[in-house]
Structures are given as C-alpha cells and as structure tokens.
C-alpha cells in the first residue's frame, strides 16, 4: 500500500505542517490577547504611580505640619518608594 505522505517517512511532512497550523491556531489568539493587555498596562502603571506620588505628597505635608518625626518620615518614604 502506498504511504500517501501521512507518515513520518520521506513523504510525511504533512504532520509537521498540521502541527504548526494547530500551534498557530492557539498561539495567535493568545498573543493578541497579551498585546491588548500590554497596550493597556502603561495607563494602569501611570495610575499606580500617581497614587504613590500622591501618598508621598501627603507624607511630606504631614512632616511639614510636624505630625511625623524625621525618622518616621524617612521610614515611610522608603516604604512608599519600593
């Protein structure tokens, strides 16, 4: 019986192409989803950074009013900048 190119022999390259097509069928949508999430992250990072800078500003104001000591200020500032 003839092989028809479906095995692993000399004419069996069709399995490789089907495997690549299946891999592309799964990877392309996942890559598109990852790209969309990655595109949205800069806005999320900016929002988080703004929250940290606001907290640092509040800490500076509290230090200026004398509500926290210089040691507490340094410790809290280090925590906020992590």
Protein backbone atom coordinates (compact mmCIF):
# COMPACT_ATOMS: atom_id res chain seq x y z
CA UNK A 1 0.00 0.00 0.00
CA UNK A 2 1.25 3.49 -0.74
CA UNK A 3 2.17 5.88 2.04
CA UNK A 4 0.36 8.96 0.65
CA UNK A 5 2.64 11.20 2.72
CA UNK A 6 0.87 10.82 6.07
CA UNK A 7 3.63 9.05 7.99
CA UNK A 8 6.98 10.04 9.41
CA UNK A 9 8.78 8.72 6.37
CA UNK A 10 10.11 10.61 3.34
CA UNK A 11 6.70 11.93 2.34
CA UNK A 12 5.40 12.54 5.86
CA UNK A 13 5.86 16.29 6.11
CA UNK A 14 2.12 16.90 6.30
CA UNK A 15 2.11 16.11 10.03
CA UNK A 16 4.63 18.84 10.64
CA UNK A 17 2.51 21.38 8.79
CA UNK A 18 -0.64 20.34 10.64
CA UNK A 19 1.22 20.66 13.95
CA UNK A 20 2.43 24.14 13.03
CA UNK A 21 -1.08 25.14 11.96
CA UNK A 22 -2.52 23.90 15.27
CA UNK A 23 0.20 25.74 17.21
CA UNK A 24 -0.57 28.93 15.30
CA UNK A 25 -4.28 28.39 15.93
CA UNK A 26 -3.63 28.52 19.69
CA UNK A 27 -0.75 30.96 19.86
CA UNK A 28 -2.05 33.76 17.65
CA UNK A 29 -5.18 34.48 19.73
CA UNK A 30 -3.15 34.25 22.95
CA UNK A 31 -0.56 36.65 21.54
CA UNK A 32 -3.29 39.07 20.50
CA UNK A 33 -4.78 38.99 24.00
CA UNK A 34 -1.32 39.54 25.51
CA UNK A 35 -0.72 42.51 23.19
CA UNK A 36 -4.02 44.11 24.19
CA UNK A 37 -3.20 43.69 27.88
CA UNK A 38 0.32 45.02 27.32
CA UNK A 39 -1.11 48.04 25.50
CA UNK A 40 -3.39 48.79 28.45
CA UNK A 41 -0.68 48.43 31.09
CA UNK A 42 1.00 51.83 30.62
CA UNK A 43 -2.24 53.52 31.66
CA UNK A 44 -2.52 51.24 34.67
CA UNK A 45 1.10 51.86 35.61
CA UNK A 46 0.63 55.62 35.32
CA UNK A 47 -2.42 55.40 37.57
CA UNK A 48 -0.48 53.40 40.18
CA UNK A 49 2.46 55.81 40.02
CA UNK A 50 0.12 58.75 40.51
CA UNK A 51 -1.25 57.08 43.63
CA UNK A 52 2.24 56.63 45.02
CA UNK A 53 3.23 60.24 44.32
CA UNK A 54 0.01 61.44 45.95
CA UNK A 55 0.79 59.40 49.06
CA UNK A 56 4.30 60.81 49.13
CA UNK A 57 2.90 64.32 48.88
CA UNK A 58 0.55 63.64 51.82
CA UNK A 59 3.51 62.31 53.80
CA UNK A 60 5.51 65.46 53.03
CA UNK A 61 2.62 67.62 54.20
CA UNK A 62 2.30 65.62 57.42
CA UNK A 63 6.04 66.02 58.02
CA UNK A 64 5.80 69.76 57.34
CA UNK A 65 2.98 70.08 59.89
CA UNK A 66 5.05 68.14 62.44
CA UNK A 67 2.72 65.14 62.60
CA UNK A 68 5.59 62.69 61.97
CA UNK A 69 9.19 62.73 63.09
CA UNK A 70 12.11 62.79 60.67
CA UNK A 71 12.81 59.09 61.37
CA UNK A 72 9.17 58.16 60.69
CA UNK A 73 9.26 60.29 57.54
CA UNK A 74 12.37 58.53 56.20
CA UNK A 75 10.97 55.07 57.00
CA UNK A 76 7.57 55.80 55.42
CA UNK A 77 9.19 57.42 52.39
CA UNK A 78 11.33 54.32 51.80
CA UNK A 79 8.23 52.13 52.06
CA UNK A 80 6.34 54.25 49.54
CA UNK A 81 9.20 54.25 47.05
CA UNK A 82 9.51 50.43 46.93
